[in-house]
């Protein structure tokens, strides 16, 4: 089944998003957050509880060292947290709060959508993205980092499994205008990269971290609002930028064509 976001439908194999992780970066719009939380187990990581409180969304889990959560959220949890599992960690720890959260989720099944991940410090964003790749080794599968303005999808192909090279491509059906689409190598080299439905298409290209040229592409036509991406070896980040315009939908955007 596709991963449904207000601004895009994302079709890829094994896209069963059962968990929503809310981090403490730029808070998503409350309406967007409530929409994507439907039917998912919600994990608020430290200050991510503030975004949940603002949206009137009660998380199932709140965890972290609580060094950035607001006093208002702490009081809210004290008064309304009887049905919320709260785990507090010592600030003197080897892992980030997000890494601890992924370590908890790996015990369950299903994919993970992460929000509250943009804005703020670059080192946090960098660590979050590569923590997601590390989490794959533990069995924690992150499907996308997203809010109403930005989406990043880590698209991986197991280099040891040749059969994966025949897997179906990732498909994105936009219901809002994507102002930019970039392909970001999350491994030193990504081979056999294909992108269709954009102004500049790729057909089996090799992309490297040292030469990141596949940035600021755009969909080839606003009426179709559809692109597909495939990779044969490596891990690539499929990044889409929407600004704050996801409510301005395409005409006919729910159609496949």
Protein backbone atom coordinates (compact mmCIF):
# COMPACT_ATOMS: atom_id res chain seq x y z
CA UNK A 1 0.00 0.00 0.00
CA UNK A 2 1.23 3.58 -0.63
CA UNK A 3 2.52 5.95 2.01
CA UNK A 4 -0.10 8.69 2.00
CA UNK A 5 0.99 12.25 2.82
CA UNK A 6 -1.09 15.39 2.29
CA UNK A 7 1.20 16.55 -0.53
CA UNK A 8 2.14 13.21 -2.14
CA UNK A 9 1.32 9.53 -2.46
CA UNK A 10 4.44 7.39 -2.38
CA UNK A 11 4.37 3.89 -3.86
CA UNK A 12 7.23 1.57 -3.06
CA UNK A 13 7.56 -2.02 -1.94
CA UNK A 14 6.85 -2.80 1.70
CA UNK A 15 5.58 0.73 2.47
CA UNK A 16 3.41 -0.22 5.45
CA UNK A 17 3.90 2.82 7.73
CA UNK A 18 2.89 1.77 11.24
CA UNK A 19 4.94 4.25 13.27
CA UNK A 20 5.23 8.04 13.32
CA UNK A 21 8.27 9.53 15.08
CA UNK A 22 8.02 13.22 15.99
CA UNK A 23 11.44 14.80 16.59
CA UNK A 24 12.24 18.17 18.16
CA UNK A 25 13.24 20.15 15.06
CA UNK A 26 10.95 22.43 13.08
CA UNK A 27 7.42 21.48 14.06
CA UNK A 28 5.13 20.44 11.21
CA UNK A 29 1.82 22.17 10.70
CA UNK A 30 -0.65 20.82 13.25
CA UNK A 31 -3.18 19.88 10.53
CA UNK A 32 -0.47 18.01 8.60
CA UNK A 33 0.68 16.19 11.75
CA UNK A 34 -2.83 15.09 12.69
CA UNK A 35 -3.40 13.84 9.16
CA UNK A 36 -0.30 11.64 8.95
CA UNK A 37 -0.70 10.35 12.54
CA UNK A 38 -3.96 8.59 11.72
CA UNK A 39 -3.67 4.84 12.22
CA UNK A 40 -0.04 4.97 13.41
CA UNK A 41 1.75 4.44 16.71
CA UNK A 42 3.07 7.90 17.62
CA UNK A 43 6.50 8.31 19.26
CA UNK A 44 7.35 11.79 20.56
CA UNK A 45 11.10 12.24 21.02
CA UNK A 46 11.91 14.87 23.64
CA UNK A 47 10.75 18.27 22.29
CA UNK A 48 8.68 16.42 19.70
CA UNK A 49 6.09 16.26 22.50
CA UNK A 50 5.66 20.04 22.09
CA UNK A 51 4.52 19.57 18.48
CA UNK A 52 2.10 16.86 19.57
CA UNK A 53 0.66 19.10 22.29
CA UNK A 54 0.23 21.98 19.83
CA UNK A 55 -1.64 19.66 17.46
CA UNK A 56 -3.84 18.21 20.20
CA UNK A 57 -2.33 14.81 19.47
CA UNK A 58 -1.68 12.41 22.34
CA UNK A 59 1.39 10.25 21.54
CA UNK A 60 1.59 6.61 22.55
CA UNK A 61 5.23 6.94 23.66
CA UNK A 62 7.35 9.86 24.85
CA UNK A 63 11.07 9.30 25.31
CA UNK A 64 14.38 11.10 25.56
CA UNK A 65 16.61 12.79 28.10
CA UNK A 66 14.06 15.64 28.36
CA UNK A 67 16.69 18.36 27.97
CA UNK A 68 14.65 20.35 25.45
CA UNK A 69 10.99 19.52 26.13
CA UNK A 70 9.01 22.53 27.35
CA UNK A 71 7.69 22.88 30.89
CA UNK A 72 4.19 23.14 29.43
CA UNK A 73 4.58 19.70 27.83
CA UNK A 74 5.98 18.23 31.03
CA UNK A 75 2.91 19.45 32.94
CA UNK A 76 0.63 18.14 30.19
CA UNK A 77 2.26 14.69 30.43
CA UNK A 78 1.97 14.71 34.22
CA UNK A 79 -1.74 15.52 34.04
CA UNK A 80 -2.72 13.49 30.99
CA UNK A 81 -0.04 10.83 30.61
CA UNK A 82 -1.79 7.86 32.21
CA UNK A 83 -2.14 6.15 28.82
CA UNK A 84 1.26 7.28 27.52
CA UNK A 85 4.42 5.22 27.97
CA UNK A 86 7.17 7.60 29.15
CA UNK A 87 10.86 6.63 29.08
CA UNK A 88 13.42 9.07 30.41
CA UNK A 89 17.13 8.57 29.76
CA UNK A 90 20.21 10.00 31.42
CA UNK A 91 21.64 12.91 29.35
CA UNK A 92 25.07 11.29 29.80
CA UNK A 93 24.52 8.58 27.17
CA UNK A 94 26.22 7.16 24.10
CA UNK A 95 23.22 7.33 21.76
CA UNK A 96 20.99 10.18 20.63
CA UNK A 97 17.33 10.22 21.64
CA UNK A 98 16.36 9.38 18.05
CA UNK A 99 18.71 6.38 17.99
CA UNK A 100 17.21 5.14 21.25
CA UNK A 101 13.75 5.50 19.74
CA UNK A 102 14.73 3.47 16.67
CA UNK A 103 16.19 0.82 18.95
CA UNK A 104 12.80 0.55 20.68
CA UNK A 105 10.81 0.43 17.45
CA UNK A 106 12.96 -2.34 15.97
CA UNK A 107 11.21 -4.74 18.34
CA UNK A 108 8.02 -4.12 16.38
CA UNK A 109 7.27 -4.49 12.67
CA UNK A 110 6.26 -2.01 10.02
CA UNK A 111 7.77 1.08 8.46
CA UNK A 112 8.52 4.41 10.12
CA UNK A 113 7.64 7.96 9.07
CA UNK A 114 9.73 10.68 10.75
CA UNK A 115 8.70 14.33 11.14
CA UNK A 116 10.01 17.29 13.17
CA UNK A 117 13.32 16.55 11.49
CA UNK A 118 13.96 19.74 9.50
CA UNK A 119 15.18 23.19 10.52
CA UNK A 120 17.56 23.94 13.35
CA UNK A 121 21.10 22.58 13.48
CA UNK A 122 22.74 20.91 10.48
CA UNK A 123 24.58 18.38 12.66
CA UNK A 124 21.24 17.15 14.02
CA UNK A 125 19.78 16.72 10.52
CA UNK A 126 22.95 14.93 9.36
CA UNK A 127 22.93 12.59 12.36
CA UNK A 128 19.23 11.85 11.94
CA UNK A 129 19.56 10.85 8.29
CA UNK A 130 22.53 8.58 8.85
CA UNK A 131 20.99 7.18 12.04
CA UNK A 132 18.16 6.02 9.78
CA UNK A 133 20.65 4.08 7.66
CA UNK A 134 22.22 2.66 10.80
CA UNK A 135 18.76 1.70 11.99
CA UNK A 136 18.32 -0.47 8.90
CA UNK A 137 21.00 -2.74 10.36
CA UNK A 138 18.87 -3.15 13.51
CA UNK A 139 15.66 -3.79 11.60
CA UNK A 140 14.18 -0.27 11.96
CA UNK A 141 12.97 0.70 8.48
CA UNK A 142 12.47 4.42 7.91
CA UNK A 143 10.28 5.10 4.89
CA UNK A 144 10.59 8.89 4.82
CA UNK A 145 11.52 12.07 6.66
CA UNK A 146 8.76 14.57 5.99
CA UNK A 147 6.69 17.60 6.88
CA UNK A 148 4.47 19.84 4.76
CA UNK A 149 7.50 21.50 3.12
CA UNK A 150 10.08 18.75 2.61
CA UNK A 151 10.30 15.00 2.03
CA UNK A 152 13.41 12.81 1.98
CA UNK A 153 13.02 9.13 1.10
CA UNK A 154 16.04 6.84 1.65
CA UNK A 155 15.82 4.47 -1.34
CA UNK A 156 18.08 1.46 -0.85
CA UNK A 157 19.04 -1.56 -2.88
CA UNK A 158 20.86 -4.43 -1.20
CA UNK A 159 24.19 -4.69 -2.98
CA UNK A 160 24.43 -8.40 -2.14
CA UNK A 161 21.08 -9.35 -3.66
CA UNK A 162 21.03 -9.21 -7.45
CA UNK A 163 17.31 -9.99 -7.47
CA UNK A 164 16.62 -6.60 -5.92
CA UNK A 165 17.88 -4.97 -9.11
CA UNK A 166 14.63 -6.14 -10.72
CA UNK A 167 12.39 -4.59 -8.06
CA UNK A 168 9.71 -2.04 -8.91
CA UNK A 169 10.72 1.64 -8.90
CA UNK A 170 9.68 4.16 -6.28
CA UNK A 171 6.73 6.19 -7.57
CA UNK A 172 5.63 9.59 -6.30
CA UNK A 173 2.25 11.07 -7.18
CA UNK A 174 2.22 14.74 -6.22
CA UNK A 175 -0.94 16.41 -4.97
CA UNK A 176 0.93 19.70 -4.46
CA UNK A 177 3.51 21.46 -6.56
CA UNK A 178 7.05 20.16 -6.03
CA UNK A 179 9.42 23.06 -6.59
CA UNK A 180 12.56 20.93 -6.53
CA UNK A 181 13.52 17.25 -6.70
CA UNK A 182 17.06 16.20 -5.82
CA UNK A 183 18.81 12.83 -5.72
CA UNK A 184 21.37 12.76 -2.89
CA UNK A 185 23.84 9.84 -2.68
CA UNK A 186 23.79 8.48 0.88
CA UNK A 187 26.60 6.09 0.07
CA UNK A 188 29.93 6.97 -1.55
CA UNK A 189 28.65 5.70 -4.89
CA UNK A 190 25.16 4.86 -6.16
CA UNK A 191 24.93 2.92 -9.41
CA UNK A 192 22.17 2.28 -11.92
CA UNK A 193 20.11 5.36 -10.99
CA UNK A 194 16.99 5.99 -13.06
CA UNK A 195 14.55 8.89 -12.78
CA UNK A 196 11.55 9.40 -15.05
CA UNK A 197 8.89 12.11 -15.21
CA UNK A 198 11.30 14.98 -14.54
CA UNK A 199 12.67 17.72 -16.78
CA UNK A 200 16.10 16.06 -16.66
CA UNK A 201 15.88 12.27 -16.62
CA UNK A 202 18.55 9.73 -15.73
CA UNK A 203 18.99 6.32 -17.33
CA UNK A 204 21.37 4.08 -15.38
CA UNK A 205 23.57 6.88 -14.09
CA UNK A 206 26.21 6.62 -11.37
CA UNK A 207 25.96 9.30 -8.68
CA UNK A 208 28.71 9.94 -6.15
CA UNK A 209 28.85 11.95 -2.93
CA UNK A 210 31.89 13.83 -4.22
CA UNK A 211 29.99 15.11 -7.28
CA UNK A 212 26.40 15.85 -6.20
CA UNK A 213 25.02 17.25 -9.44
CA UNK A 214 21.51 15.69 -9.49
CA UNK A 215 19.84 18.53 -7.56
CA UNK A 216 17.03 21.03 -8.21
CA UNK A 217 15.25 18.94 -10.84
CA UNK A 218 11.50 19.49 -11.40
CA UNK A 219 8.55 17.38 -12.59
CA UNK A 220 8.22 17.43 -16.38
CA UNK A 221 4.56 18.43 -16.27
CA UNK A 222 2.31 19.89 -13.61
CA UNK A 223 -0.72 18.01 -14.95
CA UNK A 224 0.79 14.55 -14.36
CA UNK A 225 2.53 15.27 -11.05
CA UNK A 226 4.21 11.88 -11.14
CA UNK A 227 7.85 10.73 -11.09
CA UNK A 228 9.58 7.38 -10.64
CA UNK A 229 13.04 6.61 -9.26
CA UNK A 230 15.01 3.36 -9.26
CA UNK A 231 18.47 2.39 -8.03
CA UNK A 232 20.38 -0.82 -8.69
CA UNK A 233 23.16 -0.47 -6.10
CA UNK A 234 23.58 1.77 -3.06
CA UNK A 235 21.31 4.11 -1.11
CA UNK A 236 20.01 7.38 -2.49
CA UNK A 237 17.96 10.09 -0.83
CA UNK A 238 15.02 11.22 -2.96
CA UNK A 239 14.39 14.78 -1.78
CA UNK A 240 11.32 16.88 -2.67
CA UNK A 241 10.75 20.51 -1.71
CA UNK A 242 7.22 21.95 -1.61
CA UNK A 243 7.57 25.25 0.19
CA UNK A 244 4.39 25.76 2.19
CA UNK A 245 1.99 25.15 -0.67
CA UNK A 246 0.71 21.61 -0.18
CA UNK A 247 -2.87 22.86 0.15
CA UNK A 248 -2.75 24.16 -3.45
CA UNK A 249 -3.36 20.84 -5.16
CA UNK A 250 -2.97 19.94 -8.81
CA UNK A 251 -6.06 19.41 -10.93
CA UNK A 252 -6.48 15.68 -11.42
CA UNK A 253 -3.53 14.90 -9.17
CA UNK A 254 -5.14 11.75 -7.80
CA UNK A 255 -4.95 10.12 -11.24
CA UNK A 256 -2.00 7.93 -12.16
CA UNK A 257 -1.51 9.65 -15.51
